[in-house]
Protein backbone atom coordinates (compact mmCIF):
# COMPACT_ATOMS: atom_id res chain seq x y z
CA MET A 1 153.67 127.16 176.47
CA SER A 2 152.53 127.59 180.44
CA GLY A 3 153.96 128.99 183.62
CA ILE A 4 156.14 132.29 184.13
CA ALA A 5 157.63 133.68 181.17
CA LYS A 6 161.29 134.22 180.82
CA THR A 7 161.98 137.79 179.69
CA PRO A 8 165.16 139.60 178.89
CA GLU A 9 166.62 142.18 181.01
CA PRO A 10 164.00 145.34 180.55
CA PRO A 11 163.12 147.36 178.70
CA TYR A 12 160.82 145.07 176.94
CA TYR A 13 156.95 145.41 176.24
CA ALA A 14 153.90 143.82 177.03
CA VAL A 15 149.87 144.02 176.00
CA ILE A 16 148.05 142.95 178.41
CA PHE A 17 144.57 141.30 177.21
CA THR A 18 141.66 141.22 179.75
CA SER A 19 138.52 139.47 179.03
CA GLU A 20 135.20 138.31 179.82
CA ARG A 21 133.94 135.64 178.08
CA THR A 22 130.45 134.59 176.50
CA ASP A 23 129.10 131.12 176.80
CA GLY A 24 130.22 128.01 174.85
CA ASP A 25 133.38 127.43 173.27
CA ASN A 26 132.58 127.74 169.67
CA GLY A 27 135.96 127.04 168.50
CA TYR A 28 137.44 129.30 171.13
CA ALA A 29 139.57 126.90 172.38
CA GLU A 30 141.31 125.40 168.85
CA MET A 31 141.38 129.48 167.85
CA SER A 32 143.88 130.37 171.31
CA GLU A 33 146.45 127.71 170.71
CA GLU A 34 146.73 128.38 167.24
CA MET A 35 147.47 131.99 168.22
CA GLU A 36 149.72 131.31 170.68
CA LYS A 37 151.96 128.86 168.83
CA LEU A 38 151.88 131.90 165.77
CA ALA A 39 152.64 134.59 168.24
CA SER A 40 155.85 132.83 169.45
CA SER A 41 156.82 132.74 165.68
CA GLN A 42 156.66 136.72 165.24
CA PRO A 43 159.88 138.32 165.62
CA GLY A 44 159.98 140.18 168.89
CA PHE A 45 157.91 137.54 170.45
CA LEU A 46 159.53 136.94 174.16
CA GLY A 47 156.93 135.10 175.81
CA VAL A 48 153.36 135.08 176.76
CA GLU A 49 151.53 134.47 180.48
CA SER A 50 147.35 133.52 180.72
CA ALA A 51 145.16 132.99 183.47
CA ARG A 52 141.15 132.53 183.31
CA GLU A 53 139.38 131.96 186.45
CA GLY A 54 136.06 134.09 185.39
CA VAL A 55 138.39 137.02 184.15
CA GLY A 56 140.97 136.10 181.66
CA ILE A 57 143.99 137.29 181.57
CA THR A 58 146.88 137.08 178.86
CA VAL A 59 150.27 138.81 179.00
CA SER A 60 152.28 139.15 176.29
CA TYR A 61 156.60 140.32 175.69
CA TRP A 62 157.87 141.59 172.55
CA GLU A 63 160.74 143.40 172.18
CA SER A 64 159.40 146.33 170.49
CA LEU A 65 156.92 148.18 169.90
CA ASP A 66 157.29 147.93 166.10
CA ALA A 67 156.74 144.24 167.09
CA ILE A 68 153.91 144.82 169.16
CA ARG A 69 152.20 146.12 165.57
CA ASN A 70 153.02 143.42 163.43
CA TRP A 71 151.77 140.66 165.13
CA LYS A 72 148.32 143.18 165.62
CA GLN A 73 148.23 143.31 161.94
CA ASN A 74 149.23 139.48 161.48
CA GLU A 75 146.17 138.84 159.06
CA ARG A 76 145.98 135.04 160.43
CA HIS A 77 145.50 137.27 163.81
CA MET A 78 142.75 139.82 162.84
CA ILE A 79 140.69 137.02 161.60
CA ALA A 80 141.13 135.83 165.36
CA GLN A 81 140.21 139.35 167.03
CA ARG A 82 136.93 139.54 164.09
CA ARG A 83 135.52 136.05 165.93
CA GLY A 84 136.98 137.00 169.33
CA VAL A 85 134.34 140.78 169.03
CA SER A 86 131.22 138.34 166.72
CA ASP A 87 131.95 135.14 168.64
CA TRP A 88 133.52 134.69 172.08
CA TYR A 89 134.21 138.21 174.38
CA LEU A 90 131.16 140.01 176.46
CA ARG A 91 134.00 142.77 176.95
CA PHE A 92 138.07 143.28 176.79
CA LYS A 93 140.56 145.43 176.71
CA THR A 94 144.12 145.80 176.00
CA ARG A 95 146.95 147.89 177.40
CA VAL A 96 150.45 148.06 176.04
CA CYS A 97 153.69 148.72 178.69
CA LYS A 98 157.35 149.28 178.85
CA VAL A 99 158.51 147.09 181.64
CA GLU A 100 160.89 149.13 183.42
CA ARG A 101 162.04 147.15 185.71
CA ASP A 102 161.59 143.57 186.73
CA TYR A 103 162.37 140.71 189.66
CA GLU A 104 161.88 137.50 190.12
CA TYR A 105 162.07 135.16 193.57
CA GLU A 106 162.62 130.89 192.99
CA LYS A 107 162.28 128.70 195.45
CA ASN A 108 165.40 126.33 195.53
CA GLU A 109 164.61 122.80 195.95
């Protein structure tokens, strides 16, 4: 997945994961791709956007807080979380937000 996620009319939820990485890949790219595919198959998943230029920011969108909790407790995701602490991140912060309003623009050419 890439680009701007197509989300439904609000309200819905966003999980904002901001991180600073360790040096080297150490299996990160492969696990990141796996997590994106796995998340997209979870009930309540709406989309994801990600960027990395020094600081990485990944925003995933969800229908409900229950969907977010279920994703956090997914067995394979929990393995990735542990690897993140042990191998991939110098620091990270996760924020869970309710999206009350959104708007967009797209140039028509």
